[in-house]
Amino acid sequence: MPAATVEKLEDRSGGMCEAGCGRPATNIHHRRFLGRGGRHNLANLLALCGSGNHTGCHGKAHQGNPPDGWAISRHERRHESEVPFVDLGGRSWWLDDEGGKHVRPAVTGRS
């Protein structure tokens, strides 16, 4: 993974788990796994806590039913920047390939 990408991810996360658990980030997680065609682009990456054997929030991302946007199917045609992820506090986030992370506005009912 390019060092510049790791540096931008660390800047975006502030060194903390982006799942919102309050622990330091220790792993880089690919939302669309490399084996599913994922790449090392920033919209595809999350800084998560846990060890290399998938514990902590990194383990949750690899469990059978991870929170929305933590694992992206190989069949999902949208770019990772178009697939928000929902943190443990229920906030939805848009990630971009420049290192941005933006709260996704809540969808309100139509009248």
Protein backbone atom coordinates (compact mmCIF):
# COMPACT_ATOMS: atom_id res chain seq x y z
CA MET A 1 0.00 0.00 0.00
CA PRO A 2 1.46 3.40 -0.91
CA ALA A 3 2.87 5.30 2.08
CA ALA A 4 0.99 8.44 0.99
CA THR A 5 -2.31 6.52 1.21
CA VAL A 6 -1.50 5.28 4.72
CA GLU A 7 -0.58 8.82 5.77
CA LYS A 8 -3.86 10.26 4.43
CA LEU A 9 -5.83 7.50 6.17
CA GLU A 10 -4.05 8.28 9.46
CA ASP A 11 -4.82 11.98 8.96
CA ARG A 12 -8.50 11.21 8.28
CA SER A 13 -8.87 8.95 11.31
CA GLY A 14 -6.72 10.96 13.70
CA GLY A 15 -5.24 7.63 14.73
CA MET A 16 -8.56 6.46 16.16
CA CYS A 17 -10.85 3.63 15.10
CA GLU A 18 -13.25 5.01 12.50
CA ALA A 19 -15.99 2.69 13.74
CA GLY A 20 -16.41 5.10 16.65
CA CYS A 21 -15.53 2.72 19.50
CA GLY A 22 -12.99 5.14 20.99
CA ARG A 23 -9.97 2.83 20.69
CA PRO A 24 -6.78 3.53 18.71
CA ALA A 25 -6.76 2.32 15.11
CA THR A 26 -4.34 -0.56 14.65
CA ASN A 27 -5.47 -2.07 11.32
CA ILE A 28 -6.33 -0.96 7.82
CA HIS A 29 -9.51 -2.59 6.55
CA HIS A 30 -10.54 -2.84 2.89
CA ARG A 31 -14.31 -2.39 2.66
CA ARG A 32 -14.33 -4.16 -0.70
CA PHE A 33 -11.86 -6.92 0.11
CA LEU A 34 -8.86 -7.29 -2.18
CA GLY A 35 -10.10 -10.78 -3.08
CA ARG A 36 -13.37 -9.16 -4.23
CA GLY A 37 -11.65 -6.70 -6.55
CA GLY A 38 -10.96 -3.99 -3.97
CA ARG A 39 -8.05 -1.60 -4.24
CA HIS A 40 -5.97 0.58 -1.93
CA ASN A 41 -8.03 3.73 -2.61
CA LEU A 42 -9.03 5.84 0.40
CA ALA A 43 -12.80 5.47 -0.13
CA ASN A 44 -12.28 1.73 0.21
CA LEU A 45 -10.25 1.90 3.44
CA LEU A 46 -11.15 2.19 7.12
CA ALA A 47 -8.77 2.60 10.03
CA LEU A 48 -10.08 0.13 12.63
CA CYS A 49 -9.02 -1.30 15.97
CA GLY A 50 -8.19 -4.97 16.41
CA SER A 51 -5.37 -7.34 15.74
CA GLY A 52 -4.25 -9.08 12.59
CA ASN A 53 -6.47 -12.08 13.37
CA HIS A 54 -9.64 -9.99 13.01
CA THR A 55 -10.56 -9.00 16.54
CA GLY A 56 -12.10 -5.71 17.68
CA CYS A 57 -13.89 -3.61 15.08
CA HIS A 58 -11.76 -5.16 12.34
CA GLY A 59 -13.26 -8.50 13.38
CA LYS A 60 -16.78 -7.04 13.19
CA ALA A 61 -16.06 -5.96 9.61
CA HIS A 62 -15.27 -9.59 8.73
CA GLN A 63 -18.14 -11.25 10.59
CA GLY A 64 -21.12 -12.78 8.82
CA ASN A 65 -23.31 -9.68 9.05
CA PRO A 66 -21.14 -6.55 9.48
CA PRO A 67 -22.67 -3.08 9.90
CA ASP A 68 -23.74 -1.31 6.69
CA GLY A 69 -20.87 -0.30 4.43
CA TRP A 70 -18.14 -2.08 6.37
CA ALA A 71 -17.93 -4.87 3.76
CA ILE A 72 -18.84 -4.20 0.13
CA SER A 73 -19.90 -7.05 -2.14
CA ARG A 74 -17.97 -7.84 -5.30
CA HIS A 75 -21.35 -7.46 -7.06
CA GLU A 76 -21.86 -3.87 -5.87
CA ARG A 77 -21.36 -1.74 -8.98
CA ARG A 78 -21.10 1.61 -7.23
CA HIS A 79 -17.68 3.07 -6.44
CA GLU A 80 -16.76 2.86 -2.76
CA SER A 81 -17.23 6.64 -2.44
CA GLU A 82 -20.92 6.08 -3.24
CA VAL A 83 -21.39 3.43 -0.53
CA PRO A 84 -21.62 5.05 2.92
CA PHE A 85 -20.63 3.19 6.04
CA VAL A 86 -22.51 3.37 9.33
CA ASP A 87 -20.41 3.70 12.49
CA LEU A 88 -21.25 2.15 15.86
CA GLY A 89 -23.09 5.35 16.86
CA GLY A 90 -25.44 5.02 13.88
CA ARG A 91 -23.91 7.90 11.88
CA SER A 92 -23.57 7.38 8.11
CA TRP A 93 -20.38 8.59 6.45
CA TRP A 94 -19.27 9.24 2.88
CA LEU A 95 -15.57 8.61 2.20
CA ASP A 96 -13.70 9.97 -0.80
CA ASP A 97 -10.42 9.12 -2.48
CA GLU A 98 -8.84 12.42 -1.43
CA GLY A 99 -9.03 11.52 2.26
CA GLY A 100 -12.32 13.23 3.06
CA LYS A 101 -14.93 11.87 5.47
CA HIS A 102 -18.33 13.57 5.51
CA VAL A 103 -21.43 12.90 7.57
CA ARG A 104 -24.21 11.64 5.35
CA PRO A 105 -27.40 13.62 6.08
CA ALA A 106 -30.24 11.59 7.54
CA VAL A 107 -33.00 10.72 5.13
CA THR A 108 -36.27 12.29 6.21
CA GLY A 109 -39.76 11.13 5.29
CA ARG A 110 -41.60 12.79 2.46
CA SER A 111 -44.88 14.53 3.01
